[in-house]
Amino acid sequence: MTKVKICGITNLEDALLATEMGADALGFIFAESPRRIDPAKAKTIIRSLPPLVKTVGVFVNEDPVRIKEIASTCGLDLIQLHGGESPEISRNLMPHSIKAFRIQNERDLENIKRYQGAVRAILLDTFQKGKAGGTGRTFDWALAVKAKETGIPLIMAGGLGPENIQEAITTVKPYAVDVSSGIEKRPGKKDPVLMKQLMRKISEYRIQESEFRMKEE
C-alpha cells in the first residue's frame, strides 16, 4: 500500500492536520528553502505528534556531524539527502538515510545504482537548474518506473497534487509519494482543502488496490 509523506512542514497546525488525514510521514526542511524550519521549532512540533508517524529531515550537502546533531535533537526517524552526497555519506547515516535524485533523463538513473545498500529508499524529484528540490514540476513517470529496477524502495515527488496523484500512483506504483507545493496556499503553509482532496484521492486508490488484491486471492 502506497505510503504518504507530506513535506515542507513549518507549523504544528499543518502537521496535526496531515496526520489526522492519514499521512504516514512528515518532512522538515533544514536546508535553504522558503519552507526551511529551525531545529528548535521542528523539535517542538515533533514532540506534539501522535505516535507511529515517521519524521524526516531534509538536508542539502550538510556536514554529516551537523545532520546527526539535528536528527538527535529533533528526534528524526529518517534523513533525506537532497544534494550531491556520496554513497559513502549515505551509508554512514544508515539505517536512516534516503537519497533524493533530480531526474532529467534516463542517463540520470545510472547514478542511482551506486547507492544500493547505502540507503533505505530513493526519492525522485524533477530536475531544475539551481534548485535542489521542491520545484513543483512533474517529470516523465516512465523514468520512475525504470528506476524501480534498482530494487531500492522508491518515493516519488515532483509536482504531485490532488489532480494527478491517482495517475501517478497507478502508473508508477511507488513505495511512497512525497507531496509539498501541490497542497500549499503559499510556501510553508498547507491548504486544508487541497490536503483533504489529496488524501481522499489516495484513499480511493487504496480501496481499489485492496479490492483488486482480494479478487486475485
N, C-alpha and C. Protein backbone atom coordinates (compact mmCIF):
# COMPACT_ATOMS: atom_id res chain seq x y z
N MET A 1 0.84 -1.19 0.00
CA MET A 1 0.00 0.00 0.00
C MET A 1 0.89 1.25 0.00
N THR A 2 0.66 2.14 -0.92
CA THR A 2 1.48 3.33 -1.06
C THR A 2 1.41 4.23 0.17
N LYS A 3 2.57 4.60 0.70
CA LYS A 3 2.67 5.49 1.85
C LYS A 3 2.62 6.95 1.38
N VAL A 4 2.33 7.85 2.34
CA VAL A 4 2.24 9.27 2.01
C VAL A 4 3.11 10.10 2.94
N LYS A 5 3.98 10.89 2.35
CA LYS A 5 4.79 11.84 3.12
C LYS A 5 4.38 13.26 2.71
N ILE A 6 4.05 14.07 3.70
CA ILE A 6 3.76 15.48 3.46
C ILE A 6 5.00 16.26 3.88
N CYS A 7 5.60 16.96 2.94
CA CYS A 7 6.87 17.63 3.20
C CYS A 7 6.70 19.15 3.31
N GLY A 8 7.75 19.78 3.83
CA GLY A 8 7.72 21.23 3.97
C GLY A 8 6.87 21.70 5.13
N ILE A 9 6.79 20.89 6.19
CA ILE A 9 6.02 21.27 7.37
C ILE A 9 6.76 22.37 8.14
N THR A 10 6.03 23.44 8.47
CA THR A 10 6.65 24.55 9.20
C THR A 10 5.88 24.95 10.45
N ASN A 11 4.71 24.32 10.67
CA ASN A 11 3.90 24.70 11.83
C ASN A 11 3.11 23.50 12.34
N LEU A 12 2.74 23.57 13.60
CA LEU A 12 2.05 22.45 14.25
C LEU A 12 0.66 22.21 13.66
N GLU A 13 -0.03 23.27 13.29
CA GLU A 13 -1.38 23.12 12.72
C GLU A 13 -1.37 22.23 11.49
N ASP A 14 -0.45 22.50 10.56
CA ASP A 14 -0.35 21.69 9.34
C ASP A 14 0.08 20.26 9.67
N ALA A 15 0.99 20.13 10.63
CA ALA A 15 1.50 18.80 11.00
C ALA A 15 0.37 17.93 11.54
N LEU A 16 -0.41 18.48 12.44
CA LEU A 16 -1.50 17.71 13.04
C LEU A 16 -2.60 17.41 12.03
N LEU A 17 -2.87 18.37 11.15
CA LEU A 17 -3.89 18.15 10.12
C LEU A 17 -3.47 17.02 9.19
N ALA A 18 -2.20 17.02 8.79
CA ALA A 18 -1.69 15.97 7.90
C ALA A 18 -1.80 14.59 8.54
N THR A 19 -1.44 14.49 9.81
CA THR A 19 -1.51 13.19 10.48
C THR A 19 -2.97 12.77 10.69
N GLU A 20 -3.81 13.74 10.98
CA GLU A 20 -5.24 13.47 11.16
C GLU A 20 -5.85 12.89 9.89
N MET A 21 -5.36 13.38 8.74
CA MET A 21 -5.90 12.94 7.46
C MET A 21 -5.24 11.66 6.95
N GLY A 22 -4.26 11.15 7.70
CA GLY A 22 -3.69 9.86 7.34
C GLY A 22 -2.29 9.85 6.77
N ALA A 23 -1.56 10.96 6.85
CA ALA A 23 -0.19 10.97 6.36
C ALA A 23 0.67 10.01 7.19
N ASP A 24 1.54 9.28 6.53
CA ASP A 24 2.40 8.32 7.21
C ASP A 24 3.69 8.96 7.72
N ALA A 25 4.10 10.05 7.06
CA ALA A 25 5.35 10.71 7.42
C ALA A 25 5.26 12.20 7.15
N LEU A 26 6.05 12.97 7.90
CA LEU A 26 6.12 14.42 7.72
C LEU A 26 7.57 14.81 7.46
N GLY A 27 7.77 15.75 6.54
CA GLY A 27 9.11 16.20 6.20
C GLY A 27 9.40 17.60 6.70
N PHE A 28 10.59 17.77 7.28
CA PHE A 28 11.03 19.06 7.81
C PHE A 28 12.32 19.46 7.09
N ILE A 29 12.33 20.63 6.48
CA ILE A 29 13.46 21.06 5.66
C ILE A 29 14.43 21.90 6.47
N PHE A 30 15.68 21.44 6.53
CA PHE A 30 16.72 22.15 7.27
C PHE A 30 17.76 22.74 6.33
N ALA A 31 17.39 22.91 5.08
CA ALA A 31 18.28 23.49 4.08
C ALA A 31 17.67 24.79 3.56
N GLU A 32 18.43 25.51 2.76
CA GLU A 32 17.94 26.78 2.21
C GLU A 32 16.67 26.55 1.40
N SER A 33 15.58 27.16 1.82
CA SER A 33 14.28 26.94 1.19
C SER A 33 13.27 27.90 1.81
N PRO A 34 12.23 28.28 1.05
CA PRO A 34 11.16 29.08 1.66
C PRO A 34 10.39 28.28 2.71
N ARG A 35 10.64 26.97 2.77
CA ARG A 35 9.98 26.09 3.75
C ARG A 35 10.94 25.65 4.86
N ARG A 36 12.05 26.33 4.94
CA ARG A 36 13.05 25.97 5.95
C ARG A 36 12.49 26.16 7.36
N ILE A 37 12.89 25.26 8.26
CA ILE A 37 12.43 25.35 9.65
C ILE A 37 13.63 25.26 10.59
N ASP A 38 13.55 25.99 11.68
CA ASP A 38 14.59 25.97 12.70
C ASP A 38 14.51 24.65 13.47
N PRO A 39 15.64 24.02 13.79
CA PRO A 39 15.61 22.75 14.53
C PRO A 39 14.82 22.82 15.83
N ALA A 40 14.91 23.93 16.55
CA ALA A 40 14.19 24.05 17.82
C ALA A 40 12.68 24.01 17.59
N LYS A 41 12.23 24.66 16.53
CA LYS A 41 10.80 24.66 16.21
C LYS A 41 10.35 23.28 15.76
N ALA A 42 11.18 22.63 14.93
CA ALA A 42 10.86 21.28 14.46
C ALA A 42 10.75 20.32 15.65
N LYS A 43 11.65 20.47 16.60
CA LYS A 43 11.63 19.62 17.81
C LYS A 43 10.31 19.76 18.56
N THR A 44 9.84 21.00 18.69
CA THR A 44 8.58 21.26 19.40
C THR A 44 7.40 20.60 18.68
N ILE A 45 7.40 20.72 17.35
CA ILE A 45 6.31 20.12 16.55
C ILE A 45 6.35 18.60 16.67
N ILE A 46 7.53 18.03 16.50
CA ILE A 46 7.68 16.57 16.53
C ILE A 46 7.25 15.98 17.87
N ARG A 47 7.55 16.68 18.94
CA ARG A 47 7.15 16.19 20.27
C ARG A 47 5.64 16.24 20.49
N SER A 48 4.95 16.98 19.64
CA SER A 48 3.49 17.10 19.77
C SER A 48 2.74 16.15 18.84
N LEU A 49 3.48 15.36 18.05
CA LEU A 49 2.85 14.47 17.08
C LEU A 49 2.37 13.18 17.75
N PRO A 50 1.34 12.56 17.17
CA PRO A 50 0.90 11.25 17.68
C PRO A 50 1.97 10.20 17.37
N PRO A 51 1.95 9.08 18.09
CA PRO A 51 2.95 8.03 17.84
C PRO A 51 2.75 7.36 16.48
N LEU A 52 3.80 6.69 16.02
CA LEU A 52 3.81 5.91 14.78
C LEU A 52 3.83 6.76 13.51
N VAL A 53 3.98 8.08 13.65
CA VAL A 53 4.15 8.95 12.48
C VAL A 53 5.64 9.16 12.29
N LYS A 54 6.16 8.84 11.11
CA LYS A 54 7.58 9.00 10.83
C LYS A 54 7.92 10.47 10.59
N THR A 55 9.09 10.89 11.06
CA THR A 55 9.55 12.26 10.82
C THR A 55 10.85 12.21 10.00
N VAL A 56 10.92 13.07 8.99
CA VAL A 56 12.02 13.04 8.04
C VAL A 56 12.67 14.42 7.96
N GLY A 57 13.97 14.48 8.14
CA GLY A 57 14.70 15.74 8.00
C GLY A 57 15.32 15.82 6.62
N VAL A 58 15.14 16.95 5.95
CA VAL A 58 15.68 17.15 4.60
C VAL A 58 16.91 18.04 4.67
N PHE A 59 18.03 17.56 4.10
CA PHE A 59 19.30 18.28 4.15
C PHE A 59 19.91 18.35 2.75
N VAL A 60 20.70 19.40 2.51
CA VAL A 60 21.38 19.56 1.22
C VAL A 60 22.86 19.83 1.48
N ASN A 61 23.70 18.84 1.19
CA ASN A 61 25.16 18.98 1.32
C ASN A 61 25.57 19.49 2.71
N GLU A 62 24.88 19.04 3.72
CA GLU A 62 25.19 19.43 5.09
C GLU A 62 26.28 18.54 5.67
N ASP A 63 27.04 19.06 6.61
CA ASP A 63 28.06 18.29 7.31
C ASP A 63 27.37 17.13 8.03
N PRO A 64 27.81 15.88 7.80
CA PRO A 64 27.18 14.73 8.44
C PRO A 64 27.12 14.84 9.96
N VAL A 65 28.12 15.47 10.55
CA VAL A 65 28.12 15.64 12.01
C VAL A 65 26.95 16.53 12.42
N ARG A 66 26.72 17.60 11.65
CA ARG A 66 25.61 18.50 11.93
C ARG A 66 24.27 17.79 11.69
N ILE A 67 24.20 16.96 10.66
CA ILE A 67 22.98 16.20 10.37
C ILE A 67 22.62 15.32 11.57
N LYS A 68 23.61 14.60 12.07
CA LYS A 68 23.37 13.71 13.21
C LYS A 68 22.95 14.50 14.45
N GLU A 69 23.54 15.66 14.61
CA GLU A 69 23.21 16.51 15.76
C GLU A 69 21.75 16.96 15.70
N ILE A 70 21.32 17.44 14.52
CA ILE A 70 19.93 17.89 14.35
C ILE A 70 18.97 16.72 14.49
N ALA A 71 19.34 15.58 13.89
CA ALA A 71 18.48 14.39 13.96
C ALA A 71 18.26 13.95 15.40
N SER A 72 19.32 13.99 16.19
CA SER A 72 19.24 13.61 17.59
C SER A 72 18.42 14.61 18.40
N THR A 73 18.66 15.90 18.17
CA THR A 73 17.96 16.96 18.90
C THR A 73 16.46 16.94 18.62
N CYS A 74 16.11 16.78 17.34
CA CYS A 74 14.71 16.84 16.94
C CYS A 74 13.97 15.51 17.12
N GLY A 75 14.73 14.42 17.13
CA GLY A 75 14.10 13.10 17.19
C GLY A 75 13.62 12.64 15.83
N LEU A 76 14.44 12.87 14.81
CA LEU A 76 14.08 12.47 13.44
C LEU A 76 14.22 10.96 13.27
N ASP A 77 13.30 10.39 12.50
CA ASP A 77 13.37 8.95 12.20
C ASP A 77 14.23 8.69 10.97
N LEU A 78 14.16 9.60 9.99
CA LEU A 78 14.86 9.39 8.72
C LEU A 78 15.53 10.68 8.26
N ILE A 79 16.55 10.53 7.43
CA ILE A 79 17.31 11.67 6.92
C ILE A 79 17.28 11.63 5.40
N GLN A 80 16.77 12.68 4.80
CA GLN A 80 16.63 12.76 3.34
C GLN A 80 17.72 13.67 2.79
N LEU A 81 18.61 13.12 1.98
CA LEU A 81 19.75 13.85 1.44
C LEU A 81 19.42 14.35 0.04
N HIS A 82 19.40 15.65 -0.14
CA HIS A 82 18.94 16.24 -1.39
C HIS A 82 20.04 16.91 -2.20
N GLY A 83 21.30 16.71 -1.81
CA GLY A 83 22.39 17.35 -2.54
C GLY A 83 23.23 16.34 -3.30
N GLY A 84 24.53 16.57 -3.30
CA GLY A 84 25.44 15.67 -4.02
C GLY A 84 26.10 14.68 -3.11
N GLU A 85 25.42 14.30 -2.04
CA GLU A 85 26.00 13.39 -1.05
C GLU A 85 26.38 12.05 -1.69
N SER A 86 27.56 11.56 -1.33
CA SER A 86 28.09 10.32 -1.91
C SER A 86 27.44 9.09 -1.28
N PRO A 87 27.62 7.92 -1.92
CA PRO A 87 27.14 6.68 -1.32
C PRO A 87 27.77 6.44 0.06
N GLU A 88 29.03 6.89 0.23
CA GLU A 88 29.72 6.70 1.50
C GLU A 88 29.04 7.47 2.63
N ILE A 89 28.69 8.73 2.33
CA ILE A 89 27.99 9.55 3.33
C ILE A 89 26.63 8.93 3.64
N SER A 90 25.94 8.51 2.61
CA SER A 90 24.62 7.89 2.79
C SER A 90 24.73 6.64 3.64
N ARG A 91 25.74 5.84 3.36
CA ARG A 91 25.94 4.58 4.11
C ARG A 91 26.27 4.87 5.57
N ASN A 92 27.01 5.94 5.80
CA ASN A 92 27.40 6.34 7.15
C ASN A 92 26.18 6.74 7.99
N LEU A 93 25.12 7.18 7.33
CA LEU A 93 23.90 7.61 8.02
C LEU A 93 22.84 6.52 8.07
N MET A 94 23.16 5.35 7.56
CA MET A 94 22.24 4.21 7.65
C MET A 94 22.07 3.80 9.11
N PRO A 95 20.89 3.30 9.49
CA PRO A 95 19.75 2.92 8.63
C PRO A 95 18.70 4.02 8.48
N HIS A 96 19.15 5.27 8.49
CA HIS A 96 18.20 6.38 8.46
C HIS A 96 18.16 7.13 7.13
N SER A 97 19.02 6.79 6.19
CA SER A 97 19.19 7.63 5.00
C SER A 97 18.27 7.31 3.83
N ILE A 98 17.80 8.40 3.22
CA ILE A 98 17.06 8.38 1.95
C ILE A 98 17.83 9.30 1.03
N LYS A 99 18.06 8.89 -0.21
CA LYS A 99 18.79 9.76 -1.14
C LYS A 99 17.86 10.25 -2.23
N ALA A 100 17.82 11.56 -2.41
CA ALA A 100 17.00 12.16 -3.46
C ALA A 100 17.82 12.38 -4.73
N PHE A 101 17.17 12.18 -5.86
CA PHE A 101 17.80 12.38 -7.17
C PHE A 101 16.90 13.27 -8.02
N ARG A 102 17.52 14.25 -8.66
CA ARG A 102 16.77 15.12 -9.57
C ARG A 102 16.90 14.53 -10.97
N ILE A 103 15.79 14.12 -11.52
CA ILE A 103 15.79 13.36 -12.76
C ILE A 103 15.48 14.24 -13.98
N GLN A 104 16.40 14.20 -14.93
CA GLN A 104 16.21 14.96 -16.17
C GLN A 104 16.01 14.02 -17.35
N ASN A 105 16.76 12.92 -17.35
CA ASN A 105 16.65 11.95 -18.44
C ASN A 105 17.13 10.58 -17.95
N GLU A 106 17.10 9.60 -18.83
CA GLU A 106 17.43 8.23 -18.45
C GLU A 106 18.87 8.08 -17.98
N ARG A 107 19.76 8.91 -18.46
CA ARG A 107 21.16 8.84 -18.04
C ARG A 107 21.31 9.10 -16.54
N ASP A 108 20.41 9.94 -16.00
CA ASP A 108 20.47 10.27 -14.57
C ASP A 108 20.19 9.06 -13.69
N LEU A 109 19.54 8.05 -14.25
CA LEU A 109 19.19 6.87 -13.46
C LEU A 109 20.40 6.00 -13.16
N GLU A 110 21.44 6.09 -13.97
CA GLU A 110 22.63 5.25 -13.77
C GLU A 110 23.28 5.49 -12.41
N ASN A 111 23.25 6.74 -11.97
CA ASN A 111 23.88 7.10 -10.70
C ASN A 111 23.22 6.42 -9.51
N ILE A 112 21.94 6.10 -9.62
CA ILE A 112 21.20 5.52 -8.51
C ILE A 112 21.77 4.18 -8.07
N LYS A 113 22.25 3.39 -9.03
CA LYS A 113 22.76 2.05 -8.73
C LYS A 113 23.90 2.07 -7.71
N ARG A 114 24.64 3.18 -7.67
CA ARG A 114 25.77 3.30 -6.75
C ARG A 114 25.31 3.33 -5.28
N TYR A 115 24.03 3.59 -5.06
CA TYR A 115 23.51 3.74 -3.70
C TYR A 115 22.81 2.48 -3.17
N GLN A 116 22.89 1.41 -3.95
CA GLN A 116 22.31 0.15 -3.48
C GLN A 116 23.01 -0.29 -2.21
N GLY A 117 22.25 -0.54 -1.16
CA GLY A 117 22.82 -0.93 0.11
C GLY A 117 23.25 0.23 1.00
N ALA A 118 23.19 1.45 0.45
CA ALA A 118 23.63 2.63 1.20
C ALA A 118 22.46 3.48 1.68
N VAL A 119 21.26 3.16 1.22
CA VAL A 119 20.08 3.96 1.60
C VAL A 119 18.87 3.06 1.83
N ARG A 120 17.92 3.58 2.60
CA ARG A 120 16.68 2.84 2.84
C ARG A 120 15.72 2.99 1.66
N ALA A 121 15.83 4.14 0.98
CA ALA A 121 14.94 4.42 -0.15
C ALA A 121 15.57 5.50 -1.02
N ILE A 122 15.06 5.60 -2.25
CA ILE A 122 15.45 6.70 -3.12
C ILE A 122 14.21 7.56 -3.36
N LEU A 123 14.44 8.85 -3.54
CA LEU A 123 13.36 9.78 -3.84
C LEU A 123 13.67 10.45 -5.17
N LEU A 124 12.72 10.41 -6.08
CA LEU A 124 12.92 11.02 -7.39
C LEU A 124 12.15 12.34 -7.47
N ASP A 125 12.86 13.40 -7.83
CA ASP A 125 12.27 14.72 -7.99
C ASP A 125 12.63 15.24 -9.37
N THR A 126 12.00 16.33 -9.76
CA THR A 126 12.24 16.91 -11.07
C THR A 126 13.50 17.75 -11.08
N PHE A 127 14.27 17.64 -12.14
CA PHE A 127 15.47 18.47 -12.28
C PHE A 127 15.08 19.89 -12.67
N GLN A 128 15.64 20.86 -11.96
CA GLN A 128 15.53 22.26 -12.35
C GLN A 128 16.82 22.94 -11.95
N LYS A 129 17.49 23.54 -12.91
CA LYS A 129 18.79 24.14 -12.67
C LYS A 129 18.73 25.13 -11.52
N GLY A 130 19.67 24.97 -10.58
CA GLY A 130 19.75 25.90 -9.46
C GLY A 130 18.88 25.56 -8.28
N LYS A 131 18.09 24.49 -8.39
CA LYS A 131 17.22 24.10 -7.27
C LYS A 131 17.50 22.66 -6.87
N ALA A 132 17.60 22.45 -5.54
CA ALA A 132 17.88 21.09 -5.05
C ALA A 132 16.63 20.25 -4.96
N GLY A 133 15.46 20.88 -5.00
CA GLY A 133 14.20 20.14 -4.91
C GLY A 133 13.05 21.10 -4.71
N GLY A 134 11.84 20.54 -4.55
CA GLY A 134 10.69 21.38 -4.31
C GLY A 134 10.33 22.27 -5.48
N THR A 135 10.55 21.77 -6.69
CA THR A 135 10.30 22.60 -7.88
C THR A 135 8.82 22.69 -8.23
N GLY A 136 8.04 21.70 -7.80
CA GLY A 136 6.62 21.70 -8.14
C GLY A 136 6.35 21.24 -9.56
N ARG A 137 7.39 20.79 -10.25
CA ARG A 137 7.24 20.34 -11.63
C ARG A 137 7.22 18.82 -11.70
N THR A 138 6.41 18.30 -12.60
CA THR A 138 6.37 16.85 -12.78
C THR A 138 7.47 16.41 -13.76
N PHE A 139 7.81 15.12 -13.72
CA PHE A 139 8.77 14.60 -14.69
C PHE A 139 8.19 13.36 -15.34
N ASP A 140 8.94 12.80 -16.25
CA ASP A 140 8.48 11.64 -17.01
C ASP A 140 8.37 10.43 -16.06
N TRP A 141 7.15 10.02 -15.78
CA TRP A 141 6.94 8.94 -14.83
C TRP A 141 7.49 7.61 -15.33
N ALA A 142 7.70 7.49 -16.61
CA ALA A 142 8.29 6.26 -17.16
C ALA A 142 9.71 6.08 -16.61
N LEU A 143 10.38 7.19 -16.32
CA LEU A 143 11.72 7.12 -15.74
C LEU A 143 11.65 6.57 -14.31
N ALA A 144 10.59 6.93 -13.60
CA ALA A 144 10.41 6.42 -12.24
C ALA A 144 10.18 4.91 -12.26
N VAL A 145 9.41 4.46 -13.22
CA VAL A 145 9.17 3.02 -13.36
C VAL A 145 10.49 2.30 -13.61
N LYS A 146 11.32 2.88 -14.44
CA LYS A 146 12.62 2.27 -14.76
C LYS A 146 13.54 2.27 -13.53
N ALA A 147 13.43 3.31 -12.71
CA ALA A 147 14.28 3.41 -11.52
C ALA A 147 13.97 2.30 -10.52
N LYS A 148 12.77 1.76 -10.57
CA LYS A 148 12.39 0.68 -9.66
C LYS A 148 13.20 -0.59 -9.91
N GLU A 149 13.82 -0.67 -11.08
CA GLU A 149 14.63 -1.84 -11.42
C GLU A 149 15.84 -1.99 -10.50
N THR A 150 16.22 -0.91 -9.80
CA THR A 150 17.36 -0.99 -8.88
C THR A 150 17.02 -1.83 -7.66
N GLY A 151 15.72 -2.01 -7.39
CA GLY A 151 15.29 -2.78 -6.24
C GLY A 151 15.24 -1.98 -4.95
N ILE A 152 15.59 -0.70 -5.02
CA ILE A 152 15.53 0.17 -3.85
C ILE A 152 14.12 0.76 -3.75
N PRO A 153 13.48 0.74 -2.58
CA PRO A 153 12.15 1.34 -2.45
C PRO A 153 12.12 2.76 -2.99
N LEU A 154 11.09 3.06 -3.77
CA LEU A 154 11.01 4.34 -4.48
C LEU A 154 9.97 5.27 -3.86
N ILE A 155 10.40 6.49 -3.57
CA ILE A 155 9.50 7.56 -3.15
C ILE A 155 9.41 8.54 -4.31
N MET A 156 8.21 8.87 -4.70
CA MET A 156 8.00 9.70 -5.87
C MET A 156 7.58 11.10 -5.46
N ALA A 157 8.27 12.11 -6.00
CA ALA A 157 7.95 13.51 -5.73
C ALA A 157 7.90 14.26 -7.05
N GLY A 158 7.74 15.57 -6.97
CA GLY A 158 7.78 16.38 -8.19
C GLY A 158 6.43 16.69 -8.78
N GLY A 159 5.85 17.81 -8.38
CA GLY A 159 4.61 18.28 -8.99
C GLY A 159 3.38 17.45 -8.71
N LEU A 160 3.37 16.75 -7.59
CA LEU A 160 2.21 15.92 -7.26
C LEU A 160 1.16 16.71 -6.49
N GLY A 161 -0.11 16.45 -6.81
CA GLY A 161 -1.21 17.13 -6.15
C GLY A 161 -2.49 16.34 -6.36
N PRO A 162 -3.61 16.86 -5.87
CA PRO A 162 -4.89 16.13 -5.99
C PRO A 162 -5.26 15.78 -7.42
N GLU A 163 -4.85 16.63 -8.37
CA GLU A 163 -5.28 16.44 -9.76
C GLU A 163 -4.55 15.31 -10.47
N ASN A 164 -3.38 14.90 -9.98
CA ASN A 164 -2.63 13.87 -10.71
C ASN A 164 -2.13 12.73 -9.83
N ILE A 165 -2.46 12.73 -8.53
CA ILE A 165 -1.89 11.74 -7.63
C ILE A 165 -2.32 10.32 -7.97
N GLN A 166 -3.57 10.13 -8.34
CA GLN A 166 -4.03 8.77 -8.67
C GLN A 166 -3.33 8.24 -9.92
N GLU A 167 -3.18 9.09 -10.92
CA GLU A 167 -2.50 8.67 -12.14
C GLU A 167 -1.04 8.32 -11.85
N ALA A 168 -0.41 9.13 -11.01
CA ALA A 168 0.99 8.89 -10.66
C ALA A 168 1.17 7.54 -9.96
N ILE A 169 0.32 7.29 -8.97
CA ILE A 169 0.43 6.03 -8.21
C ILE A 169 0.09 4.83 -9.09
N THR A 170 -0.94 4.97 -9.92
CA THR A 170 -1.35 3.87 -10.80
C THR A 170 -0.26 3.54 -11.80
N THR A 171 0.39 4.58 -12.32
CA THR A 171 1.43 4.39 -13.34
C THR A 171 2.71 3.83 -12.77
N VAL A 172 3.17 4.38 -11.65
CA VAL A 172 4.49 4.04 -11.12
C VAL A 172 4.43 2.97 -10.02
N LYS A 173 3.35 2.97 -9.24
CA LYS A 173 3.23 2.07 -8.08
C LYS A 173 4.45 2.21 -7.16
N PRO A 174 4.71 3.43 -6.69
CA PRO A 174 5.87 3.65 -5.82
C PRO A 174 5.63 3.15 -4.41
N TYR A 175 6.70 3.01 -3.65
CA TYR A 175 6.56 2.67 -2.24
C TYR A 175 5.83 3.79 -1.51
N ALA A 176 6.15 5.04 -1.89
CA ALA A 176 5.53 6.19 -1.23
C ALA A 176 5.52 7.39 -2.19
N VAL A 177 4.67 8.36 -1.86
CA VAL A 177 4.66 9.63 -2.58
C VAL A 177 5.00 10.74 -1.60
N ASP A 178 5.64 11.79 -2.12
CA ASP A 178 6.08 12.92 -1.31
C ASP A 178 5.44 14.18 -1.90
N VAL A 179 4.59 14.84 -1.13
CA VAL A 179 3.84 15.99 -1.65
C VAL A 179 4.12 17.22 -0.80
N SER A 180 4.34 18.35 -1.46
CA SER A 180 4.59 19.59 -0.73
C SER A 180 3.88 20.77 -1.38
N SER A 181 4.46 21.31 -2.45
CA SER A 181 3.90 22.52 -3.07
C SER A 181 2.51 22.31 -3.66
N GLY A 182 2.19 21.08 -4.03
CA GLY A 182 0.90 20.79 -4.66
C GLY A 182 -0.29 20.92 -3.74
N ILE A 183 -0.04 21.09 -2.43
CA ILE A 183 -1.15 21.26 -1.48
C ILE A 183 -0.92 22.49 -0.59
N GLU A 184 -0.28 23.51 -1.16
CA GLU A 184 0.02 24.71 -0.38
C GLU A 184 -0.81 25.92 -0.78
N LYS A 185 -1.06 26.78 0.20
CA LYS A 185 -1.62 28.11 -0.07
C LYS A 185 -0.48 29.01 -0.53
N ARG A 186 0.65 28.83 0.13
CA ARG A 186 1.89 29.55 -0.17
C ARG A 186 3.02 28.71 0.40
N PRO A 187 4.27 28.94 0.00
CA PRO A 187 5.37 28.12 0.51
C PRO A 187 5.41 28.09 2.04
N GLY A 188 5.31 26.87 2.59
CA GLY A 188 5.37 26.71 4.04
C GLY A 188 4.03 26.68 4.74
N LYS A 189 2.95 26.93 3.99
CA LYS A 189 1.62 26.89 4.59
C LYS A 189 0.71 26.03 3.75
N LYS A 190 0.21 24.93 4.33
CA LYS A 190 -0.62 23.99 3.60
C LYS A 190 -2.06 24.51 3.47
N ASP A 191 -2.71 24.04 2.42
CA ASP A 191 -4.12 24.36 2.17
C ASP A 191 -4.96 23.17 2.63
N PRO A 192 -5.77 23.32 3.69
CA PRO A 192 -6.55 22.20 4.21
C PRO A 192 -7.45 21.55 3.16
N VAL A 193 -8.01 22.36 2.27
CA VAL A 193 -8.91 21.82 1.24
C VAL A 193 -8.13 20.94 0.27
N LEU A 194 -6.98 21.42 -0.19
CA LEU A 194 -6.18 20.64 -1.13
C LEU A 194 -5.62 19.38 -0.47
N MET A 195 -5.24 19.51 0.81
CA MET A 195 -4.73 18.34 1.52
C MET A 195 -5.81 17.27 1.65
N LYS A 196 -7.02 17.71 1.96
CA LYS A 196 -8.14 16.79 2.09
C LYS A 196 -8.43 16.11 0.75
N GLN A 197 -8.39 16.88 -0.33
CA GLN A 197 -8.63 16.32 -1.66
C GLN A 197 -7.57 15.29 -2.01
N LEU A 198 -6.31 15.61 -1.69
CA LEU A 198 -5.20 14.69 -1.97
C LEU A 198 -5.39 13.38 -1.23
N MET A 199 -5.66 13.45 0.07
CA MET A 199 -5.78 12.24 0.87
C MET A 199 -7.01 11.43 0.47
N ARG A 200 -8.06 12.10 0.03
CA ARG A 200 -9.24 11.38 -0.44
C ARG A 200 -8.92 10.60 -1.70
N LYS A 201 -8.19 11.23 -2.61
CA LYS A 201 -7.80 10.55 -3.86
C LYS A 201 -6.93 9.33 -3.56
N ILE A 202 -6.01 9.49 -2.61
CA ILE A 202 -5.13 8.37 -2.26
C ILE A 202 -5.94 7.27 -1.58
N SER A 203 -6.87 7.64 -0.74
CA SER A 203 -7.73 6.67 -0.06
C SER A 203 -8.56 5.88 -1.07
N GLU A 204 -9.07 6.57 -2.07
CA GLU A 204 -9.84 5.89 -3.12
C GLU A 204 -8.97 4.88 -3.85
N TYR A 205 -7.72 5.26 -4.13
CA TYR A 205 -6.81 4.34 -4.81
C TYR A 205 -6.53 3.12 -3.93
N ARG A 206 -6.30 3.37 -2.64
CA ARG A 206 -6.01 2.26 -1.73
C ARG A 206 -7.15 1.26 -1.67
N ILE A 207 -8.37 1.76 -1.67
CA ILE A 207 -9.56 0.88 -1.65
C ILE A 207 -9.61 0.05 -2.92
N GLN A 208 -9.37 0.70 -4.06
CA GLN A 208 -9.38 -0.02 -5.34
C GLN A 208 -8.28 -1.08 -5.36
N GLU A 209 -7.11 -0.73 -4.85
CA GLU A 209 -5.98 -1.65 -4.81
C GLU A 209 -6.29 -2.85 -3.92
N SER A 210 -6.92 -2.59 -2.78
CA SER A 210 -7.28 -3.66 -1.85
C SER A 210 -8.32 -4.60 -2.47
N GLU A 211 -9.30 -4.03 -3.15
CA GLU A 211 -10.35 -4.84 -3.79
C GLU A 211 -9.75 -5.71 -4.89
N PHE A 212 -8.79 -5.13 -5.63
CA PHE A 212 -8.15 -5.88 -6.71
C PHE A 212 -7.36 -7.07 -6.16
N ARG A 213 -6.67 -6.85 -5.04
CA ARG A 213 -5.89 -7.93 -4.43
C ARG A 213 -6.78 -9.04 -3.91
N MET A 214 -7.93 -8.65 -3.36
CA MET A 214 -8.86 -9.63 -2.83
C MET A 214 -9.42 -10.51 -3.97
N LYS A 215 -9.65 -9.90 -5.11
CA LYS A 215 -10.15 -10.65 -6.26
C LYS A 215 -9.09 -11.65 -6.75
N GLU A 216 -7.83 -11.21 -6.71
CA GLU A 216 -6.74 -12.09 -7.15
C GLU A 216 -6.59 -13.30 -6.25
N GLU A 217 -6.84 -13.09 -4.96
CA GLU A 217 -6.71 -14.20 -3.99
C GLU A 217 -7.88 -15.17 -4.12
